[in-house]
Amino acid sequence: MKGNYDKAFENVIRLRVMSILMVNEQFDFNSFKEFLEVTDGNLASHLRNLENAEYIRVEKSFAGRKPLTNYLATEAGKKAFQSHLDFLENLINENKT
């Protein structure tokens, strides 16, 4: 079967985070929180999980005195996510017949 199942994307929040990062160069913490409708702690936990897997990286900066935290997908993260999507697509196609 083409693609690999990746437990890092087993959770819907992590799956959605990577989907967002595949089509956006970067995305900030507050935008994720608002878009995904999750709590700070829940989001932070999922982002940390993806960061520990080296699928995303964090960039911290300031806009004036306000801290900004942006997230970007790494090349390894993009490849792993695409492989996971390929696996799911093949799984769906196999079960259509």
PDB file of N, CA and C in Angstrom:
ATOM      1  N   MET A   1       0.850  -1.176   0.000  1.00  0.00           N
ATOM      2  CA  MET A   1       0.000   0.000   0.000  1.00  0.00           C
ATOM      3  C   MET A   1       0.895   1.238   0.000  1.00  0.00           C
ATOM      4  N   LYS A   2       0.536   2.198  -0.815  1.00  0.00           N
ATOM      5  CA  LYS A   2       1.294   3.439  -0.914  1.00  0.00           C
ATOM      6  C   LYS A   2       1.063   4.292   0.339  1.00  0.00           C
ATOM      7  N   GLY A   3       2.140   4.941   0.829  1.00  0.00           N
ATOM      8  CA  GLY A   3       2.029   5.813   1.991  1.00  0.00           C
ATOM      9  C   GLY A   3       2.219   5.043   3.276  1.00  0.00           C
ATOM     10  N   ASN A   4       2.382   5.790   4.341  1.00  0.00           N
ATOM     11  CA  ASN A   4       2.569   5.204   5.667  1.00  0.00           C
ATOM     12  C   ASN A   4       1.627   5.843   6.661  1.00  0.00           C
ATOM     13  N   TYR A   5       1.043   4.988   7.507  1.00  0.00           N
ATOM     14  CA  TYR A   5       0.217   5.486   8.594  1.00  0.00           C
ATOM     15  C   TYR A   5       1.139   6.077   9.655  1.00  0.00           C
ATOM     16  N   ASP A   6       0.839   7.277  10.129  1.00  0.00           N
ATOM     17  CA  ASP A   6       1.680   7.959  11.113  1.00  0.00           C
ATOM     18  C   ASP A   6       0.841   8.313  12.328  1.00  0.00           C
ATOM     19  N   LYS A   7       1.179   7.723  13.478  1.00  0.00           N
ATOM     20  CA  LYS A   7       0.425   7.952  14.705  1.00  0.00           C
ATOM     21  C   LYS A   7       0.430   9.421  15.138  1.00  0.00           C
ATOM     22  N   ALA A   8       1.407  10.195  14.677  1.00  0.00           N
ATOM     23  CA  ALA A   8       1.452  11.628  15.022  1.00  0.00           C
ATOM     24  C   ALA A   8       0.214  12.354  14.504  1.00  0.00           C
ATOM     25  N   PHE A   9      -0.393  11.823  13.444  1.00  0.00           N
ATOM     26  CA  PHE A   9      -1.561  12.463  12.839  1.00  0.00           C
ATOM     27  C   PHE A   9      -2.868  11.738  13.192  1.00  0.00           C
ATOM     28  N   GLU A  10      -2.801  10.869  14.178  1.00  0.00           N
ATOM     29  CA  GLU A  10      -3.969  10.104  14.599  1.00  0.00           C
ATOM     30  C   GLU A  10      -5.034  11.011  15.217  1.00  0.00           C
ATOM     31  N   ASN A  11      -4.596  12.069  15.879  1.00  0.00           N
ATOM     32  CA  ASN A  11      -5.531  12.987  16.522  1.00  0.00           C
ATOM     33  C   ASN A  11      -6.020  14.028  15.518  1.00  0.00           C
ATOM     34  N   VAL A  12      -7.297  14.348  15.554  1.00  0.00           N
ATOM     35  CA  VAL A  12      -7.891  15.271  14.590  1.00  0.00           C
ATOM     36  C   VAL A  12      -7.294  16.680  14.705  1.00  0.00           C
ATOM     37  N   ILE A  13      -6.920  17.107  15.888  1.00  0.00           N
ATOM     38  CA  ILE A  13      -6.328  18.441  16.038  1.00  0.00           C
ATOM     39  C   ILE A  13      -4.978  18.493  15.318  1.00  0.00           C
ATOM     40  N   ARG A  14      -4.138  17.482  15.523  1.00  0.00           N
ATOM     41  CA  ARG A  14      -2.837  17.457  14.851  1.00  0.00           C
ATOM     42  C   ARG A  14      -2.998  17.325  13.341  1.00  0.00           C
ATOM     43  N   LEU A  15      -3.980  16.555  12.917  1.00  0.00           N
ATOM     44  CA  LEU A  15      -4.273  16.409  11.488  1.00  0.00           C
ATOM     45  C   LEU A  15      -4.667  17.763  10.898  1.00  0.00           C
ATOM     46  N   ARG A  16      -5.499  18.503  11.607  1.00  0.00           N
ATOM     47  CA  ARG A  16      -5.944  19.811  11.127  1.00  0.00           C
ATOM     48  C   ARG A  16      -4.811  20.839  11.163  1.00  0.00           C
ATOM     49  N   VAL A  17      -3.965  20.786  12.197  1.00  0.00           N
ATOM     50  CA  VAL A  17      -2.815  21.696  12.278  1.00  0.00           C
ATOM     51  C   VAL A  17      -1.926  21.505  11.049  1.00  0.00           C
ATOM     52  N   MET A  18      -1.603  20.250  10.737  1.00  0.00           N
ATOM     53  CA  MET A  18      -0.736  19.999   9.584  1.00  0.00           C
ATOM     54  C   MET A  18      -1.424  20.383   8.276  1.00  0.00           C
ATOM     55  N   SER A  19      -2.720  20.172   8.182  1.00  0.00           N
ATOM     56  CA  SER A  19      -3.458  20.582   6.977  1.00  0.00           C
ATOM     57  C   SER A  19      -3.343  22.086   6.775  1.00  0.00           C
ATOM     58  N   ILE A  20      -3.461  22.836   7.858  1.00  0.00           N
ATOM     59  CA  ILE A  20      -3.345  24.293   7.783  1.00  0.00           C
ATOM     60  C   ILE A  20      -1.939  24.692   7.362  1.00  0.00           C
ATOM     61  N   LEU A  21      -0.931  24.035   7.937  1.00  0.00           N
ATOM     62  CA  LEU A  21       0.454  24.390   7.630  1.00  0.00           C
ATOM     63  C   LEU A  21       0.896  23.947   6.236  1.00  0.00           C
ATOM     64  N   MET A  22       0.180  23.019   5.638  1.00  0.00           N
ATOM     65  CA  MET A  22       0.512  22.590   4.276  1.00  0.00           C
ATOM     66  C   MET A  22       0.118  23.668   3.259  1.00  0.00           C
ATOM     67  N   VAL A  23      -0.860  24.494   3.600  1.00  0.00           N
ATOM     68  CA  VAL A  23      -1.328  25.519   2.661  1.00  0.00           C
ATOM     69  C   VAL A  23      -0.994  26.943   3.109  1.00  0.00           C
ATOM     70  N   ASN A  24      -0.390  27.083   4.279  1.00  0.00           N
ATOM     71  CA  ASN A  24       0.055  28.382   4.792  1.00  0.00           C
ATOM     72  C   ASN A  24       1.521  28.259   5.176  1.00  0.00           C
ATOM     73  N   GLU A  25       2.309  29.229   4.779  1.00  0.00           N
ATOM     74  CA  GLU A  25       3.731  29.179   5.098  1.00  0.00           C
ATOM     75  C   GLU A  25       3.952  29.123   6.601  1.00  0.00           C
ATOM     76  N   GLN A  26       3.141  29.899   7.337  1.00  0.00           N
ATOM     77  CA  GLN A  26       3.205  29.863   8.800  1.00  0.00           C
ATOM     78  C   GLN A  26       1.839  30.247   9.345  1.00  0.00           C
ATOM     79  N   PHE A  27       1.622  29.928  10.601  1.00  0.00           N
ATOM     80  CA  PHE A  27       0.346  30.204  11.248  1.00  0.00           C
ATOM     81  C   PHE A  27       0.644  30.474  12.707  1.00  0.00           C
ATOM     82  N   ASP A  28      -0.038  31.445  13.299  1.00  0.00           N
ATOM     83  CA  ASP A  28       0.275  31.798  14.682  1.00  0.00           C
ATOM     84  C   ASP A  28      -0.661  31.091  15.675  1.00  0.00           C
ATOM     85  N   PHE A  29      -0.215  31.050  16.921  1.00  0.00           N
ATOM     86  CA  PHE A  29      -0.914  30.318  17.979  1.00  0.00           C
ATOM     87  C   PHE A  29      -2.364  30.774  18.117  1.00  0.00           C
ATOM     88  N   ASN A  30      -2.575  32.084  18.203  1.00  0.00           N
ATOM     89  CA  ASN A  30      -3.940  32.586  18.415  1.00  0.00           C
ATOM     90  C   ASN A  30      -4.855  32.277  17.233  1.00  0.00           C
ATOM     91  N   SER A  31      -4.320  32.319  16.026  1.00  0.00           N
ATOM     92  CA  SER A  31      -5.127  31.973  14.853  1.00  0.00           C
ATOM     93  C   SER A  31      -5.509  30.496  14.867  1.00  0.00           C
ATOM     94  N   PHE A  32      -4.548  29.625  15.248  1.00  0.00           N
ATOM     95  CA  PHE A  32      -4.867  28.201  15.405  1.00  0.00           C
ATOM     96  C   PHE A  32      -5.982  28.020  16.423  1.00  0.00           C
ATOM     97  N   LYS A  33      -5.824  28.663  17.566  1.00  0.00           N
ATOM     98  CA  LYS A  33      -6.790  28.516  18.665  1.00  0.00           C
ATOM     99  C   LYS A  33      -8.187  28.927  18.217  1.00  0.00           C
ATOM    100  N   GLU A  34      -8.277  30.049  17.526  1.00  0.00           N
ATOM    101  CA  GLU A  34      -9.569  30.543  17.057  1.00  0.00           C
ATOM    102  C   GLU A  34     -10.144  29.638  15.968  1.00  0.00           C
ATOM    103  N   PHE A  35      -9.319  29.268  14.999  1.00  0.00           N
ATOM    104  CA  PHE A  35      -9.770  28.464  13.868  1.00  0.00           C
ATOM    105  C   PHE A  35     -10.194  27.060  14.299  1.00  0.00           C
ATOM    106  N   LEU A  36      -9.414  26.453  15.204  1.00  0.00           N
ATOM    107  CA  LEU A  36      -9.682  25.077  15.628  1.00  0.00           C
ATOM    108  C   LEU A  36     -10.649  24.983  16.800  1.00  0.00           C
ATOM    109  N   GLU A  37     -10.938  26.140  17.435  1.00  0.00           N
ATOM    110  CA  GLU A  37     -11.856  26.202  18.580  1.00  0.00           C
ATOM    111  C   GLU A  37     -11.429  25.245  19.692  1.00  0.00           C
ATOM    112  N   VAL A  38     -10.170  25.415  20.128  1.00  0.00           N
ATOM    113  CA  VAL A  38      -9.617  24.597  21.214  1.00  0.00           C
ATOM    114  C   VAL A  38      -9.044  25.509  22.299  1.00  0.00           C
ATOM    115  N   THR A  39      -8.804  24.931  23.464  1.00  0.00           N
ATOM    116  CA  THR A  39      -8.229  25.695  24.565  1.00  0.00           C
ATOM    117  C   THR A  39      -6.724  25.874  24.362  1.00  0.00           C
ATOM    118  N   ASP A  40      -6.156  26.829  25.082  1.00  0.00           N
ATOM    119  CA  ASP A  40      -4.710  27.062  25.022  1.00  0.00           C
ATOM    120  C   ASP A  40      -3.938  25.785  25.342  1.00  0.00           C
ATOM    121  N   GLY A  41      -4.308  25.140  26.446  1.00  0.00           N
ATOM    122  CA  GLY A  41      -3.592  23.948  26.893  1.00  0.00           C
ATOM    123  C   GLY A  41      -3.691  22.795  25.910  1.00  0.00           C
ATOM    124  N   ASN A  42      -4.880  22.593  25.375  1.00  0.00           N
ATOM    125  CA  ASN A  42      -5.096  21.509  24.415  1.00  0.00           C
ATOM    126  C   ASN A  42      -4.267  21.755  23.162  1.00  0.00           C
ATOM    127  N   LEU A  43      -4.317  22.970  22.632  1.00  0.00           N
ATOM    128  CA  LEU A  43      -3.561  23.307  21.433  1.00  0.00           C
ATOM    129  C   LEU A  43      -2.062  23.192  21.685  1.00  0.00           C
ATOM    130  N   ALA A  44      -1.599  23.733  22.809  1.00  0.00           N
ATOM    131  CA  ALA A  44      -0.169  23.696  23.133  1.00  0.00           C
ATOM    132  C   ALA A  44       0.341  22.261  23.192  1.00  0.00           C
ATOM    133  N   SER A  45      -0.458  21.367  23.760  1.00  0.00           N
ATOM    134  CA  SER A  45      -0.078  19.964  23.866  1.00  0.00           C
ATOM    135  C   SER A  45       0.099  19.327  22.486  1.00  0.00           C
ATOM    136  N   HIS A  46      -0.825  19.583  21.591  1.00  0.00           N
ATOM    137  CA  HIS A  46      -0.752  19.006  20.244  1.00  0.00           C
ATOM    138  C   HIS A  46       0.391  19.612  19.437  1.00  0.00           C
ATOM    139  N   LEU A  47       0.597  20.915  19.583  1.00  0.00           N
ATOM    140  CA  LEU A  47       1.704  21.560  18.884  1.00  0.00           C
ATOM    141  C   LEU A  47       3.044  21.029  19.396  1.00  0.00           C
ATOM    142  N   ARG A  48       3.150  20.832  20.692  1.00  0.00           N
ATOM    143  CA  ARG A  48       4.379  20.293  21.285  1.00  0.00           C
ATOM    144  C   ARG A  48       4.648  18.886  20.760  1.00  0.00           C
ATOM    145  N   ASN A  49       3.581  18.087  20.622  1.00  0.00           N
ATOM    146  CA  ASN A  49       3.721  16.733  20.092  1.00  0.00           C
ATOM    147  C   ASN A  49       4.297  16.763  18.680  1.00  0.00           C
ATOM    148  N   LEU A  50       3.780  17.643  17.834  1.00  0.00           N
ATOM    149  CA  LEU A  50       4.283  17.766  16.466  1.00  0.00           C
ATOM    150  C   LEU A  50       5.694  18.340  16.436  1.00  0.00           C
ATOM    151  N   GLU A  51       5.978  19.240  17.353  1.00  0.00           N
ATOM    152  CA  GLU A  51       7.324  19.808  17.435  1.00  0.00           C
ATOM    153  C   GLU A  51       8.329  18.741  17.872  1.00  0.00           C
ATOM    154  N   ASN A  52       7.953  17.923  18.849  1.00  0.00           N
ATOM    155  CA  ASN A  52       8.838  16.845  19.316  1.00  0.00           C
ATOM    156  C   ASN A  52       9.122  15.830  18.220  1.00  0.00           C
ATOM    157  N   ALA A  53       8.153  15.631  17.327  1.00  0.00           N
ATOM    158  CA  ALA A  53       8.334  14.720  16.188  1.00  0.00           C
ATOM    159  C   ALA A  53       9.145  15.395  15.074  1.00  0.00           C
ATOM    160  N   GLU A  54       9.464  16.671  15.270  1.00  0.00           N
ATOM    161  CA  GLU A  54      10.190  17.480  14.288  1.00  0.00           C
ATOM    162  C   GLU A  54       9.408  17.670  12.994  1.00  0.00           C
ATOM    163  N   TYR A  55       8.076  17.707  13.119  1.00  0.00           N
ATOM    164  CA  TYR A  55       7.202  17.938  11.979  1.00  0.00           C
ATOM    165  C   TYR A  55       6.866  19.413  11.830  1.00  0.00           C
ATOM    166  N   ILE A  56       6.993  20.171  12.918  1.00  0.00           N
ATOM    167  CA  ILE A  56       6.794  21.616  12.865  1.00  0.00           C
ATOM    168  C   ILE A  56       7.928  22.278  13.636  1.00  0.00           C
ATOM    169  N   ARG A  57       8.127  23.563  13.345  1.00  0.00           N
ATOM    170  CA  ARG A  57       9.081  24.328  14.156  1.00  0.00           C
ATOM    171  C   ARG A  57       8.411  25.615  14.596  1.00  0.00           C
ATOM    172  N   VAL A  58       8.934  26.161  15.679  1.00  0.00           N
ATOM    173  CA  VAL A  58       8.355  27.336  16.308  1.00  0.00           C
ATOM    174  C   VAL A  58       9.277  28.528  16.082  1.00  0.00           C
ATOM    175  N   GLU A  59       8.679  29.666  15.778  1.00  0.00           N
ATOM    176  CA  GLU A  59       9.426  30.916  15.692  1.00  0.00           C
ATOM    177  C   GLU A  59       8.755  31.919  16.623  1.00  0.00           C
ATOM    178  N   LYS A  60       9.513  32.395  17.590  1.00  0.00           N
ATOM    179  CA  LYS A  60       8.990  33.383  18.534  1.00  0.00           C
ATOM    180  C   LYS A  60       9.602  34.729  18.212  1.00  0.00           C
ATOM    181  N   SER A  61       8.760  35.763  18.238  1.00  0.00           N
ATOM    182  CA  SER A  61       9.211  37.120  17.959  1.00  0.00           C
ATOM    183  C   SER A  61       8.328  38.094  18.729  1.00  0.00           C
ATOM    184  N   PHE A  62       8.550  39.356  18.500  1.00  0.00           N
ATOM    185  CA  PHE A  62       7.740  40.392  19.128  1.00  0.00           C
ATOM    186  C   PHE A  62       7.249  41.366  18.067  1.00  0.00           C
ATOM    187  N   ALA A  63       6.025  41.823  18.242  1.00  0.00           N
ATOM    188  CA  ALA A  63       5.469  42.922  17.454  1.00  0.00           C
ATOM    189  C   ALA A  63       5.302  44.052  18.458  1.00  0.00           C
ATOM    190  N   GLY A  64       6.282  44.953  18.466  1.00  0.00           N
ATOM    191  CA  GLY A  64       6.316  45.935  19.549  1.00  0.00           C
ATOM    192  C   GLY A  64       6.674  45.194  20.817  1.00  0.00           C
ATOM    193  N   ARG A  65       5.793  45.250  21.797  1.00  0.00           N
ATOM    194  CA  ARG A  65       6.024  44.531  23.060  1.00  0.00           C
ATOM    195  C   ARG A  65       5.209  43.248  23.158  1.00  0.00           C
ATOM    196  N   LYS A  66       4.433  42.981  22.137  1.00  0.00           N
ATOM    197  CA  LYS A  66       3.553  41.806  22.158  1.00  0.00           C
ATOM    198  C   LYS A  66       4.269  40.585  21.583  1.00  0.00           C
ATOM    199  N   PRO A  67       4.345  39.499  22.356  1.00  0.00           N
ATOM    200  CA  PRO A  67       4.991  38.287  21.840  1.00  0.00           C
ATOM    201  C   PRO A  67       4.141  37.603  20.774  1.00  0.00           C
ATOM    202  N   LEU A  68       4.800  37.095  19.750  1.00  0.00           N
ATOM    203  CA  LEU A  68       4.143  36.346  18.677  1.00  0.00           C
ATOM    204  C   LEU A  68       4.791  34.973  18.569  1.00  0.00           C
ATOM    205  N   THR A  69       3.965  33.943  18.452  1.00  0.00           N
ATOM    206  CA  THR A  69       4.462  32.587  18.265  1.00  0.00           C
ATOM    207  C   THR A  69       3.897  32.046  16.970  1.00  0.00           C
ATOM    208  N   ASN A  70       4.774  31.796  16.009  1.00  0.00           N
ATOM    209  CA  ASN A  70       4.380  31.251  14.711  1.00  0.00           C
ATOM    210  C   ASN A  70       4.900  29.834  14.562  1.00  0.00           C
ATOM    211  N   TYR A  71       4.158  29.045  13.815  1.00  0.00           N
ATOM    212  CA  TYR A  71       4.512  27.652  13.562  1.00  0.00           C
ATOM    213  C   TYR A  71       4.649  27.442  12.066  1.00  0.00           C
ATOM    214  N   LEU A  72       5.641  26.644  11.686  1.00  0.00           N
ATOM    215  CA  LEU A  72       5.908  26.314  10.288  1.00  0.00           C
ATOM    216  C   LEU A  72       6.105  24.807  10.174  1.00  0.00           C
ATOM    217  N   ALA A  73       5.649  24.232   9.075  1.00  0.00           N
ATOM    218  CA  ALA A  73       5.877  22.802   8.830  1.00  0.00           C
ATOM    219  C   ALA A  73       7.314  22.623   8.351  1.00  0.00           C
ATOM    220  N   THR A  74       7.992  21.610   8.867  1.00  0.00           N
ATOM    221  CA  THR A  74       9.341  21.281   8.395  1.00  0.00           C
ATOM    222  C   THR A  74       9.219  20.432   7.131  1.00  0.00           C
ATOM    223  N   GLU A  75      10.324  20.277   6.402  1.00  0.00           N
ATOM    224  CA  GLU A  75      10.305  19.411   5.223  1.00  0.00           C
ATOM    225  C   GLU A  75       9.948  17.980   5.621  1.00  0.00           C
ATOM    226  N   ALA A  76      10.512  17.522   6.741  1.00  0.00           N
ATOM    227  CA  ALA A  76      10.192  16.164   7.229  1.00  0.00           C
ATOM    228  C   ALA A  76       8.707  16.056   7.562  1.00  0.00           C
ATOM    229  N   GLY A  77       8.150  17.103   8.144  1.00  0.00           N
ATOM    230  CA  GLY A  77       6.733  17.111   8.487  1.00  0.00           C
ATOM    231  C   GLY A  77       5.848  17.070   7.254  1.00  0.00           C
ATOM    232  N   LYS A  78       6.230  17.841   6.243  1.00  0.00           N
ATOM    233  CA  LYS A  78       5.453  17.855   4.997  1.00  0.00           C
ATOM    234  C   LYS A  78       5.474  16.485   4.327  1.00  0.00           C
ATOM    235  N   LYS A  79       6.640  15.857   4.296  1.00  0.00           N
ATOM    236  CA  LYS A  79       6.763  14.527   3.679  1.00  0.00           C
ATOM    237  C   LYS A  79       5.971  13.484   4.451  1.00  0.00           C
ATOM    238  N   ALA A  80       6.078  13.527   5.781  1.00  0.00           N
ATOM    239  CA  ALA A  80       5.354  12.563   6.617  1.00  0.00           C
ATOM    240  C   ALA A  80       3.847  12.742   6.472  1.00  0.00           C
ATOM    241  N   PHE A  81       3.409  13.993   6.430  1.00  0.00           N
ATOM    242  CA  PHE A  81       1.975  14.258   6.304  1.00  0.00           C
ATOM    243  C   PHE A  81       1.459  13.794   4.951  1.00  0.00           C
ATOM    244  N   GLN A  82       2.202  14.078   3.882  1.00  0.00           N
ATOM    245  CA  GLN A  82       1.786  13.632   2.550  1.00  0.00           C
ATOM    246  C   GLN A  82       1.728  12.109   2.486  1.00  0.00           C
ATOM    247  N   SER A  83       2.694  11.446   3.098  1.00  0.00           N
ATOM    248  CA  SER A  83       2.701   9.988   3.129  1.00  0.00           C
ATOM    249  C   SER A  83       1.481   9.463   3.889  1.00  0.00           C
ATOM    250  N   HIS A  84       1.123  10.126   4.983  1.00  0.00           N
ATOM    251  CA  HIS A  84      -0.056   9.743   5.766  1.00  0.00           C
ATOM    252  C   HIS A  84      -1.326   9.929   4.929  1.00  0.00           C
ATOM    253  N   LEU A  85      -1.417  11.049   4.207  1.00  0.00           N
ATOM    254  CA  LEU A  85      -2.577  11.288   3.347  1.00  0.00           C
ATOM    255  C   LEU A  85      -2.668  10.245   2.240  1.00  0.00           C
ATOM    256  N   ASP A  86      -1.525   9.879   1.661  1.00  0.00           N
ATOM    257  CA  ASP A  86      -1.499   8.840   0.625  1.00  0.00           C
ATOM    258  C   ASP A  86      -2.017   7.520   1.189  1.00  0.00           C
ATOM    259  N   PHE A  87      -1.582   7.188   2.411  1.00  0.00           N
ATOM    260  CA  PHE A  87      -2.039   5.961   3.055  1.00  0.00           C
ATOM    261  C   PHE A  87      -3.560   5.979   3.217  1.00  0.00           C
ATOM    262  N   LEU A  88      -4.101   7.093   3.740  1.00  0.00           N
ATOM    263  CA  LEU A  88      -5.550   7.197   3.962  1.00  0.00           C
ATOM    264  C   LEU A  88      -6.319   7.129   2.644  1.00  0.00           C
ATOM    265  N   GLU A  89      -5.798   7.794   1.617  1.00  0.00           N
ATOM    266  CA  GLU A  89      -6.457   7.769   0.309  1.00  0.00           C
ATOM    267  C   GLU A  89      -6.504   6.350  -0.248  1.00  0.00           C
ATOM    268  N   ASN A  90      -5.391   5.633  -0.129  1.00  0.00           N
ATOM    269  CA  ASN A  90      -5.359   4.250  -0.606  1.00  0.00           C
ATOM    270  C   ASN A  90      -6.291   3.351   0.192  1.00  0.00           C
ATOM    271  N   LEU A  91      -6.361   3.583   1.482  1.00  0.00           N
ATOM    272  CA  LEU A  91      -7.256   2.812   2.339  1.00  0.00           C
ATOM    273  C   LEU A  91      -8.711   3.010   1.918  1.00  0.00           C
ATOM    274  N   ILE A  92      -9.069   4.253   1.652  1.00  0.00           N
ATOM    275  CA  ILE A  92     -10.429   4.567   1.210  1.00  0.00           C
ATOM    276  C   ILE A  92     -10.705   3.920  -0.135  1.00  0.00           C
ATOM    277  N   ASN A  93      -9.778   4.046  -1.062  1.00  0.00           N
ATOM    278  CA  ASN A  93      -9.975   3.477  -2.408  1.00  0.00           C
ATOM    279  C   ASN A  93     -10.085   1.964  -2.371  1.00  0.00           C
ATOM    280  N   GLU A  94      -9.322   1.312  -1.516  1.00  0.00           N
ATOM    281  CA  GLU A  94      -9.403  -0.155  -1.400  1.00  0.00           C
ATOM    282  C   GLU A  94     -10.745  -0.601  -0.861  1.00  0.00           C
ATOM    283  N   ASN A  95     -11.352   0.205  -0.025  1.00  0.00           N
ATOM    284  CA  ASN A  95     -12.623  -0.179   0.597  1.00  0.00           C
ATOM    285  C   ASN A  95     -13.842   0.226  -0.241  1.00  0.00           C
ATOM    286  N   LYS A  96     -13.598   0.889  -1.359  1.00  0.00           N
ATOM    287  CA  LYS A  96     -14.709   1.267  -2.255  1.00  0.00           C
ATOM    288  C   LYS A  96     -15.197   0.077  -3.061  1.00  0.00           C
ATOM    289  N   THR A  97     -14.314  -0.900  -3.288  1.00  0.00           N
ATOM    290  CA  THR A  97     -14.691  -2.024  -4.153  1.00  0.00           C
ATOM    291  C   THR A  97     -15.364  -3.131  -3.371  1.00  0.00           C
TER     292      THR A  97
END
